[in-house]
């Protein structure tokens, strides 16, 4: 049953890709694009020549990161009361079954996140992993509504809720989430893609991504594990990866099922 669901998801993702390719004049509906961009995020590294200064700089940086996380955590937890995601947090926003997006929120694909996923795909191709140039990215509220309703019609609401987000609750609407495909057009999953998945799970954070729906975290994230689903979180990616926590656990916000 799970395999059938994944095949169904793959078919839908592929249709999204084809829709994106045939709808170039409507960027808000584009969900896939070839890996041609080499743009990367700008990072600045400052080095010092004395041990004292290096330690001081590291301490200050660590303190600043901790402060930034605390502020984000406080805002995330405040947003819980309204049941809405705090979009002002940008890369740090949490969207799940407890934190929804307004139907009017339509940012399109985030340029930095899009550039980084293309860079990641290019690297995987250089390593000869069977990764497609195309991916499923941004989806509008309206398109997610159509997808979800189709799943409900086929399998019922309870089953659909385990693998598809209700409209307004999808990370794809943020423009920060990406589903990777293998070269056969299927979602990156299965034993045949184990090596590629292992590499992705180990190195995605180097490009600013986390594996959003991890195995063993289903009760927290509210979804079955998805090896192919990336979420861009920017410079917090490595810290989240090293923590082994889900996004909900990292920021201390509520997860699980719908209210």
Protein backbone atom coordinates (compact mmCIF):
# COMPACT_ATOMS: atom_id res chain seq x y z
CA UNK A 1 0.00 0.00 0.00
CA UNK A 2 2.81 2.40 0.91
CA UNK A 3 4.58 1.62 -2.37
CA UNK A 4 1.38 2.33 -4.31
CA UNK A 5 1.01 5.67 -2.55
CA UNK A 6 4.59 6.62 -3.42
CA UNK A 7 4.02 5.69 -7.05
CA UNK A 8 0.91 7.90 -7.02
CA UNK A 9 2.90 10.74 -5.49
CA UNK A 10 5.59 10.29 -8.15
CA UNK A 11 3.00 10.51 -10.90
CA UNK A 12 1.59 13.71 -9.43
CA UNK A 13 5.05 15.24 -9.00
CA UNK A 14 5.90 14.41 -12.60
CA UNK A 15 2.68 16.10 -13.72
CA UNK A 16 3.70 19.15 -11.70
CA UNK A 17 7.03 19.19 -13.51
CA UNK A 18 5.35 19.01 -16.90
CA UNK A 19 2.92 21.73 -15.87
CA UNK A 20 5.82 23.92 -14.83
CA UNK A 21 7.58 23.40 -18.15
CA UNK A 22 4.45 24.28 -20.11
CA UNK A 23 3.54 27.28 -17.95
CA UNK A 24 6.67 29.43 -18.17
CA UNK A 25 4.64 32.59 -18.54
CA UNK A 26 3.05 32.05 -15.12
CA UNK A 27 5.90 31.85 -12.57
CA UNK A 28 3.54 31.36 -9.64
CA UNK A 29 2.59 27.93 -10.99
CA UNK A 30 6.07 26.76 -11.95
CA UNK A 31 7.10 23.81 -9.81
CA UNK A 32 10.18 22.47 -11.56
CA UNK A 33 13.13 23.82 -13.44
CA UNK A 34 16.40 22.53 -14.96
CA UNK A 35 19.55 22.63 -12.90
CA UNK A 36 21.35 25.41 -14.75
CA UNK A 37 21.92 28.04 -12.09
CA UNK A 38 25.24 28.18 -10.27
CA UNK A 39 24.22 30.96 -7.91
CA UNK A 40 25.16 30.31 -4.29
CA UNK A 41 24.38 32.00 -1.04
CA UNK A 42 26.85 34.64 0.04
CA UNK A 43 28.76 33.79 3.20
CA UNK A 44 31.46 35.77 4.93
CA UNK A 45 34.21 34.18 6.98
CA UNK A 46 36.39 36.28 9.24
CA UNK A 47 39.67 34.83 10.50
CA UNK A 48 41.96 36.16 13.19
CA UNK A 49 45.63 35.56 13.87
CA UNK A 50 45.60 35.37 17.66
CA UNK A 51 44.08 32.66 19.81
CA UNK A 52 42.41 35.20 22.06
CA UNK A 53 40.64 36.94 19.19
CA UNK A 54 39.60 33.66 17.57
CA UNK A 55 38.04 32.42 20.80
CA UNK A 56 36.29 35.74 21.30
CA UNK A 57 34.92 35.73 17.75
CA UNK A 58 33.69 32.15 18.08
CA UNK A 59 32.01 32.91 21.39
CA UNK A 60 30.31 36.00 19.98
CA UNK A 61 29.14 34.08 16.90
CA UNK A 62 27.78 31.26 19.06
CA UNK A 63 26.03 33.76 21.32
CA UNK A 64 24.50 35.53 18.32
CA UNK A 65 23.24 32.25 16.81
CA UNK A 66 21.74 31.24 20.16
CA UNK A 67 20.03 34.61 20.48
CA UNK A 68 18.63 34.36 16.95
CA UNK A 69 17.28 30.89 17.67
CA UNK A 70 15.72 32.07 20.95
CA UNK A 71 13.95 34.93 19.19
CA UNK A 72 12.68 32.59 16.45
CA UNK A 73 11.55 30.05 19.04
CA UNK A 74 9.66 32.71 20.97
CA UNK A 75 7.90 33.93 17.83
CA UNK A 76 7.11 30.37 16.71
CA UNK A 77 5.57 29.54 20.06
CA UNK A 78 3.55 32.77 20.06
CA UNK A 79 2.23 31.88 16.61
CA UNK A 80 0.86 28.60 17.99
CA UNK A 81 -1.97 30.43 19.68
CA UNK A 82 -3.28 31.71 16.36
CA UNK A 83 -2.69 28.44 14.54
CA UNK A 84 -0.83 30.34 11.82
CA UNK A 85 2.79 30.19 10.70
CA UNK A 86 4.86 33.33 11.28
CA UNK A 87 6.01 34.14 7.74
CA UNK A 88 8.15 37.01 9.04
CA UNK A 89 10.63 34.38 10.22
CA UNK A 90 11.55 33.55 6.63
CA UNK A 91 13.84 30.53 6.46
CA UNK A 92 13.08 29.70 10.09
CA UNK A 93 9.29 29.56 9.80
CA UNK A 94 7.56 26.33 10.75
CA UNK A 95 4.66 25.19 8.59
CA UNK A 96 2.94 21.99 9.65
CA UNK A 97 -0.47 20.62 10.62
CA UNK A 98 -0.64 23.06 13.53
CA UNK A 99 0.74 26.14 11.72
CA UNK A 100 -0.98 27.18 8.49
CA UNK A 101 -0.27 29.75 5.80
CA UNK A 102 -2.83 32.29 4.55
CA UNK A 103 -4.43 31.41 1.22
CA UNK A 104 -3.09 34.73 -0.09
CA UNK A 105 0.54 33.88 0.73
CA UNK A 106 2.14 33.33 -2.69
CA UNK A 107 5.90 34.08 -2.63
CA UNK A 108 6.89 31.80 -5.49
CA UNK A 109 10.13 29.84 -5.34
CA UNK A 110 12.69 31.47 -3.09
CA UNK A 111 15.63 32.51 -5.34
CA UNK A 112 18.35 31.50 -2.88
CA UNK A 113 16.75 28.17 -2.04
CA UNK A 114 16.21 27.49 -5.75
CA UNK A 115 19.84 28.23 -6.55
CA UNK A 116 21.02 25.98 -3.74
CA UNK A 117 18.88 23.00 -4.73
CA UNK A 118 20.21 23.27 -8.29
CA UNK A 119 23.76 23.33 -6.92
CA UNK A 120 23.03 20.25 -4.79
CA UNK A 121 21.53 18.39 -7.74
CA UNK A 122 24.53 19.25 -9.90
CA UNK A 123 26.88 17.86 -7.25
CA UNK A 124 24.92 14.62 -7.01
CA UNK A 125 25.02 14.25 -10.78
CA UNK A 126 28.79 14.80 -10.75
CA UNK A 127 29.00 11.93 -8.27
CA UNK A 128 26.92 9.88 -10.75
CA UNK A 129 23.84 9.49 -8.60
CA UNK A 130 20.65 9.05 -10.68
CA UNK A 131 19.14 12.47 -9.94
CA UNK A 132 16.92 14.31 -12.40
CA UNK A 133 17.50 17.94 -13.39
CA UNK A 134 13.90 18.68 -12.49
CA UNK A 135 12.18 18.77 -9.13
CA UNK A 136 8.87 19.69 -7.56
CA UNK A 137 9.10 23.00 -5.73
CA UNK A 138 6.67 25.84 -5.15
CA UNK A 139 2.94 25.15 -5.21
CA UNK A 140 0.20 27.72 -4.79
CA UNK A 141 -2.58 27.36 -2.23
CA UNK A 142 -5.05 26.68 -5.04
CA UNK A 143 -2.95 23.95 -6.62
CA UNK A 144 -2.36 22.23 -3.27
CA UNK A 145 -6.11 22.32 -2.71
CA UNK A 146 -6.64 20.55 -6.02
CA UNK A 147 -4.00 17.90 -5.23
CA UNK A 148 -5.32 17.22 -1.75
CA UNK A 149 -8.92 16.92 -2.90
CA UNK A 150 -7.86 14.44 -5.58
CA UNK A 151 -6.10 12.28 -2.97
CA UNK A 152 -9.13 12.41 -0.67
CA UNK A 153 -11.40 11.36 -3.53
CA UNK A 154 -9.16 8.36 -4.25
CA UNK A 155 -8.24 7.13 -0.77
CA UNK A 156 -10.26 9.04 1.78
CA UNK A 157 -9.31 11.88 4.10
CA UNK A 158 -7.59 9.80 6.78
CA UNK A 159 -5.20 8.17 4.32
CA UNK A 160 -4.57 11.38 2.39
CA UNK A 161 -3.59 13.21 5.57
CA UNK A 162 -0.64 10.85 6.14
CA UNK A 163 1.20 11.94 3.00
CA UNK A 164 -0.44 15.06 1.58
CA UNK A 165 -0.93 18.46 3.20
CA UNK A 166 -4.27 20.18 3.30
CA UNK A 167 -4.33 23.51 1.45
CA UNK A 168 -2.55 26.15 3.52
CA UNK A 169 -0.54 23.55 5.44
CA UNK A 170 1.97 22.62 2.75
CA UNK A 171 5.64 23.58 2.99
CA UNK A 172 5.66 23.80 -0.79
CA UNK A 173 3.59 26.97 -0.52
CA UNK A 174 6.54 28.65 1.26
CA UNK A 175 8.77 28.32 -1.81
CA UNK A 176 11.36 26.67 0.45
CA UNK A 177 10.50 22.98 -0.05
CA UNK A 178 11.65 20.68 -2.84
CA UNK A 179 10.91 17.08 -3.81
CA UNK A 180 13.79 15.42 -5.67
CA UNK A 181 13.23 12.95 -8.49
CA UNK A 182 15.42 10.17 -9.84
CA UNK A 183 16.21 9.84 -13.53
CA UNK A 184 13.14 7.66 -14.11
CA UNK A 185 10.88 10.49 -12.98
CA UNK A 186 9.98 8.89 -9.66
CA UNK A 187 10.44 10.42 -6.24
CA UNK A 188 13.90 9.71 -4.82
CA UNK A 189 13.04 6.64 -2.78
CA UNK A 190 13.51 2.89 -2.66
CA UNK A 191 16.39 0.48 -2.29
CA UNK A 192 17.60 1.23 -5.81
CA UNK A 193 18.32 4.81 -4.71
CA UNK A 194 19.78 3.98 -1.30
CA UNK A 195 23.27 5.33 -2.05
CA UNK A 196 21.88 8.61 -3.37
CA UNK A 197 19.56 8.94 -0.37
CA UNK A 198 22.39 8.24 2.08
CA UNK A 199 24.55 10.92 0.45
CA UNK A 200 21.66 13.39 0.42
CA UNK A 201 20.85 12.86 4.09
CA UNK A 202 24.51 13.33 5.02
CA UNK A 203 25.30 16.36 2.86
CA UNK A 204 22.04 18.29 2.34
CA UNK A 205 22.83 20.55 5.30
CA UNK A 206 25.95 21.77 3.50
CA UNK A 207 23.62 23.44 1.00
CA UNK A 208 21.24 24.86 3.62
CA UNK A 209 18.70 22.02 3.60
CA UNK A 210 17.30 19.54 6.10
CA UNK A 211 15.42 16.31 5.45
CA UNK A 212 12.11 17.61 6.71
CA UNK A 213 10.22 14.36 7.32
CA UNK A 214 12.56 11.86 8.94
CA UNK A 215 11.95 8.22 9.75
CA UNK A 216 11.04 7.85 13.42
CA UNK A 217 9.66 11.40 13.63
CA UNK A 218 6.25 10.73 12.08
CA UNK A 219 4.29 11.45 15.27
CA UNK A 220 6.03 14.82 15.55
CA UNK A 221 6.05 16.01 11.93
CA UNK A 222 2.63 14.54 11.19
CA UNK A 223 3.78 12.84 7.99
CA UNK A 224 5.30 9.55 6.92
CA UNK A 225 9.04 9.66 6.24
CA UNK A 226 9.97 11.25 2.91
CA UNK A 227 13.58 10.73 1.87
CA UNK A 228 13.10 13.03 -1.11
CA UNK A 229 11.63 16.10 0.64
CA UNK A 230 14.07 18.93 1.34
CA UNK A 231 13.34 22.09 3.30
CA UNK A 232 15.62 25.12 3.02
CA UNK A 233 16.52 26.66 6.40
CA UNK A 234 19.68 28.53 5.41
CA UNK A 235 22.55 28.83 7.88
CA UNK A 236 20.64 26.89 10.56
CA UNK A 237 20.83 23.68 8.53
CA UNK A 238 24.05 22.28 9.99
CA UNK A 239 22.98 22.98 13.57
CA UNK A 240 19.61 21.30 13.01
CA UNK A 241 21.31 18.37 11.26
CA UNK A 242 23.80 17.88 14.10
CA UNK A 243 21.03 18.04 16.68
CA UNK A 244 19.16 15.14 15.09
CA UNK A 245 15.92 16.97 15.81
CA UNK A 246 12.92 17.69 13.63
CA UNK A 247 12.11 21.34 12.91
CA UNK A 248 9.35 21.17 15.51
CA UNK A 249 11.69 19.81 18.17
CA UNK A 250 14.45 22.25 17.33
CA UNK A 251 12.22 25.28 17.86
CA UNK A 252 10.09 23.69 20.57
CA UNK A 253 6.80 24.11 18.73
CA UNK A 254 3.82 21.81 18.53
CA UNK A 255 3.63 19.20 15.80
CA UNK A 256 1.57 16.10 15.13
CA UNK A 257 -1.85 16.00 13.55
CA UNK A 258 -4.40 18.64 12.67
CA UNK A 259 -6.33 20.32 15.46
